[in-house]
Amino acid sequence: MPKNPRNYEEEYKQFHSKPTEIKKRAKRNKARKDLGLKKGDNREVDHKKSLSKGGSNGKGNLRVTTRTANRRKYNK
C-alpha cells in the first residue's frame, strides 16, 4: 500500500508559524541587523554563548562568521 506523499509546504507553514519559532526568528533577525548584515549576505551571526544556553543578543556576545564556520562549530 503506497503512502501518501508528504506535503512539505504545509509542514513548513505549520512549523515556522509557531509562536516559539517566530520569536527565535525575530531574535536572529535583530542580531543580524545590529551587526549590519544585509539581506542576501552569506555571512552569519555567531553567538559566542548560544541563546539556548543563556546567551544574549548583546554586541559583546555576537560576532560575524562565515556560514561554514558557524555550522561547523555546532556539528562537532
N, C-alpha and C. Protein backbone atom coordinates (compact mmCIF):
# COMPACT_ATOMS: atom_id res chain seq x y z
N MET A 1 0.85 -1.18 0.00
CA MET A 1 0.00 0.00 0.00
C MET A 1 0.89 1.24 0.00
N PRO A 2 0.81 2.09 -1.03
CA PRO A 2 1.67 3.28 -1.10
C PRO A 2 1.25 4.33 -0.08
N LYS A 3 2.25 5.00 0.46
CA LYS A 3 1.99 6.07 1.42
C LYS A 3 1.60 7.34 0.67
N ASN A 4 0.88 8.20 1.35
CA ASN A 4 0.56 9.50 0.76
C ASN A 4 1.83 10.33 0.72
N PRO A 5 2.04 11.07 -0.35
CA PRO A 5 3.23 11.93 -0.42
C PRO A 5 3.15 13.03 0.64
N ARG A 6 4.32 13.40 1.16
CA ARG A 6 4.37 14.45 2.17
C ARG A 6 4.13 15.80 1.54
N ASN A 7 3.42 16.63 2.25
CA ASN A 7 3.17 18.00 1.81
C ASN A 7 4.17 18.89 2.55
N TYR A 8 5.34 19.06 1.97
CA TYR A 8 6.41 19.81 2.62
C TYR A 8 6.04 21.28 2.84
N GLU A 9 5.31 21.85 1.92
CA GLU A 9 4.91 23.24 2.05
C GLU A 9 4.02 23.43 3.29
N GLU A 10 3.09 22.53 3.50
CA GLU A 10 2.20 22.62 4.66
C GLU A 10 2.97 22.37 5.95
N GLU A 11 3.87 21.40 5.95
CA GLU A 11 4.69 21.13 7.13
C GLU A 11 5.53 22.36 7.48
N TYR A 12 6.10 23.01 6.48
CA TYR A 12 6.91 24.20 6.69
C TYR A 12 6.07 25.30 7.33
N LYS A 13 4.88 25.53 6.79
CA LYS A 13 4.00 26.58 7.32
C LYS A 13 3.62 26.29 8.77
N GLN A 14 3.30 25.04 9.07
CA GLN A 14 2.89 24.69 10.43
C GLN A 14 4.03 24.86 11.42
N PHE A 15 5.24 24.50 11.03
CA PHE A 15 6.38 24.61 11.95
C PHE A 15 6.80 26.05 12.15
N HIS A 16 6.97 26.79 11.07
CA HIS A 16 7.50 28.15 11.16
C HIS A 16 6.49 29.18 11.61
N SER A 17 5.24 28.81 11.75
CA SER A 17 4.25 29.77 12.25
C SER A 17 4.01 29.60 13.75
N LYS A 18 4.72 28.68 14.39
CA LYS A 18 4.59 28.51 15.84
C LYS A 18 5.16 29.74 16.54
N PRO A 19 4.52 30.18 17.62
CA PRO A 19 5.00 31.38 18.33
C PRO A 19 6.46 31.28 18.77
N THR A 20 6.90 30.11 19.20
CA THR A 20 8.30 29.99 19.63
C THR A 20 9.25 30.17 18.46
N GLU A 21 8.90 29.67 17.30
CA GLU A 21 9.75 29.81 16.12
C GLU A 21 9.76 31.26 15.63
N ILE A 22 8.64 31.94 15.74
CA ILE A 22 8.57 33.35 15.34
C ILE A 22 9.49 34.18 16.24
N LYS A 23 9.49 33.90 17.54
CA LYS A 23 10.35 34.63 18.48
C LYS A 23 11.82 34.37 18.18
N LYS A 24 12.17 33.11 17.89
CA LYS A 24 13.56 32.78 17.57
C LYS A 24 14.00 33.50 16.31
N ARG A 25 13.14 33.52 15.30
CA ARG A 25 13.48 34.18 14.03
C ARG A 25 13.66 35.68 14.25
N ALA A 26 12.81 36.27 15.09
CA ALA A 26 12.92 37.70 15.38
C ALA A 26 14.25 38.00 16.07
N LYS A 27 14.68 37.15 16.98
CA LYS A 27 15.97 37.35 17.66
C LYS A 27 17.13 37.25 16.68
N ARG A 28 17.07 36.25 15.79
CA ARG A 28 18.13 36.11 14.79
C ARG A 28 18.19 37.32 13.87
N ASN A 29 17.02 37.79 13.43
CA ASN A 29 16.98 38.95 12.54
C ASN A 29 17.50 40.20 13.22
N LYS A 30 17.18 40.38 14.51
CA LYS A 30 17.65 41.54 15.26
C LYS A 30 19.17 41.50 15.38
N ALA A 31 19.72 40.33 15.64
CA ALA A 31 21.17 40.19 15.76
C ALA A 31 21.85 40.54 14.44
N ARG A 32 21.28 40.09 13.32
CA ARG A 32 21.85 40.42 12.00
C ARG A 32 21.81 41.92 11.76
N LYS A 33 20.70 42.54 12.12
CA LYS A 33 20.55 43.98 11.91
C LYS A 33 21.55 44.75 12.78
N ASP A 34 21.72 44.32 14.02
CA ASP A 34 22.64 45.00 14.94
C ASP A 34 24.07 44.97 14.44
N LEU A 35 24.45 43.92 13.73
CA LEU A 35 25.82 43.82 13.22
C LEU A 35 25.96 44.33 11.79
N GLY A 36 24.88 44.84 11.23
CA GLY A 36 24.95 45.46 9.92
C GLY A 36 24.94 44.50 8.74
N LEU A 37 24.49 43.28 8.94
CA LEU A 37 24.41 42.32 7.83
C LEU A 37 23.14 42.57 7.05
N LYS A 38 23.27 42.63 5.76
CA LYS A 38 22.14 42.91 4.88
C LYS A 38 21.53 41.61 4.37
N LYS A 39 20.34 41.70 3.83
CA LYS A 39 19.66 40.56 3.24
C LYS A 39 20.49 40.05 2.06
N GLY A 40 20.71 38.76 2.00
CA GLY A 40 21.49 38.17 0.92
C GLY A 40 22.96 38.03 1.25
N ASP A 41 23.41 38.59 2.37
CA ASP A 41 24.81 38.46 2.80
C ASP A 41 25.03 37.00 3.22
N ASN A 42 26.08 36.38 2.72
CA ASN A 42 26.27 34.96 3.00
C ASN A 42 26.94 34.71 4.35
N ARG A 43 27.25 35.76 5.09
CA ARG A 43 27.82 35.58 6.42
C ARG A 43 26.69 35.43 7.44
N GLU A 44 27.04 34.90 8.62
CA GLU A 44 26.06 34.69 9.67
C GLU A 44 26.52 35.31 10.97
N VAL A 45 25.58 35.51 11.87
CA VAL A 45 25.89 35.98 13.20
C VAL A 45 26.11 34.77 14.09
N ASP A 46 27.21 34.77 14.80
CA ASP A 46 27.52 33.69 15.72
C ASP A 46 27.41 34.24 17.14
N HIS A 47 26.69 33.54 17.97
CA HIS A 47 26.60 33.90 19.39
C HIS A 47 27.71 33.15 20.11
N LYS A 48 28.59 33.88 20.77
CA LYS A 48 29.68 33.23 21.50
C LYS A 48 29.11 32.29 22.55
N LYS A 49 28.12 32.74 23.29
CA LYS A 49 27.36 31.89 24.20
C LYS A 49 25.96 31.81 23.60
N SER A 50 25.54 30.63 23.21
CA SER A 50 24.29 30.49 22.47
C SER A 50 23.08 30.95 23.27
N LEU A 51 22.05 31.36 22.55
CA LEU A 51 20.82 31.81 23.18
C LEU A 51 20.20 30.71 24.02
N SER A 52 20.30 29.47 23.56
CA SER A 52 19.71 28.34 24.28
C SER A 52 20.43 28.06 25.60
N LYS A 53 21.65 28.56 25.73
CA LYS A 53 22.42 28.34 26.96
C LYS A 53 22.50 29.61 27.80
N GLY A 54 21.58 30.55 27.55
CA GLY A 54 21.51 31.75 28.36
C GLY A 54 22.25 32.94 27.81
N GLY A 55 22.76 32.85 26.60
CA GLY A 55 23.44 33.98 25.98
C GLY A 55 22.45 35.05 25.59
N SER A 56 22.98 36.20 25.20
CA SER A 56 22.12 37.32 24.84
C SER A 56 22.44 37.78 23.42
N ASN A 57 21.68 38.78 22.99
CA ASN A 57 21.94 39.41 21.71
C ASN A 57 22.77 40.67 21.87
N GLY A 58 23.42 40.82 23.03
CA GLY A 58 24.28 41.98 23.25
C GLY A 58 25.48 41.93 22.32
N LYS A 59 25.98 43.09 21.94
CA LYS A 59 27.09 43.14 20.98
C LYS A 59 28.33 42.40 21.47
N GLY A 60 28.52 42.29 22.77
CA GLY A 60 29.66 41.56 23.30
C GLY A 60 29.57 40.07 23.10
N ASN A 61 28.36 39.57 22.82
CA ASN A 61 28.16 38.13 22.63
C ASN A 61 28.03 37.76 21.15
N LEU A 62 28.09 38.73 20.26
CA LEU A 62 27.89 38.48 18.84
C LEU A 62 29.17 38.67 18.05
N ARG A 63 29.31 37.88 16.98
CA ARG A 63 30.40 38.07 16.03
C ARG A 63 29.94 37.58 14.66
N VAL A 64 30.53 38.12 13.63
CA VAL A 64 30.19 37.73 12.26
C VAL A 64 31.15 36.64 11.82
N THR A 65 30.60 35.55 11.29
CA THR A 65 31.42 34.45 10.78
C THR A 65 30.85 33.98 9.45
N THR A 66 31.59 33.13 8.78
CA THR A 66 31.06 32.52 7.56
C THR A 66 30.06 31.45 7.96
N ARG A 67 29.18 31.12 7.06
CA ARG A 67 28.19 30.09 7.32
C ARG A 67 28.86 28.76 7.63
N THR A 68 29.90 28.43 6.88
CA THR A 68 30.59 27.16 7.08
C THR A 68 31.19 27.07 8.48
N ALA A 69 31.86 28.13 8.91
CA ALA A 69 32.49 28.13 10.23
C ALA A 69 31.44 28.05 11.34
N ASN A 70 30.34 28.75 11.17
CA ASN A 70 29.30 28.76 12.19
C ASN A 70 28.64 27.38 12.31
N ARG A 71 28.37 26.73 11.20
CA ARG A 71 27.72 25.41 11.22
C ARG A 71 28.69 24.34 11.74
N ARG A 72 29.95 24.47 11.38
CA ARG A 72 30.96 23.50 11.82
C ARG A 72 31.09 23.53 13.35
N LYS A 73 30.95 24.69 13.92
CA LYS A 73 31.08 24.87 15.37
C LYS A 73 30.10 24.00 16.14
N TYR A 74 28.89 23.86 15.62
CA TYR A 74 27.83 23.15 16.34
C TYR A 74 27.66 21.70 15.89
N ASN A 75 28.37 21.28 14.90
CA ASN A 75 28.23 19.90 14.41
C ASN A 75 29.38 19.01 14.84
N LYS A 76 30.06 19.37 15.91
CA LYS A 76 31.18 18.57 16.39
C LYS A 76 30.71 17.43 17.25
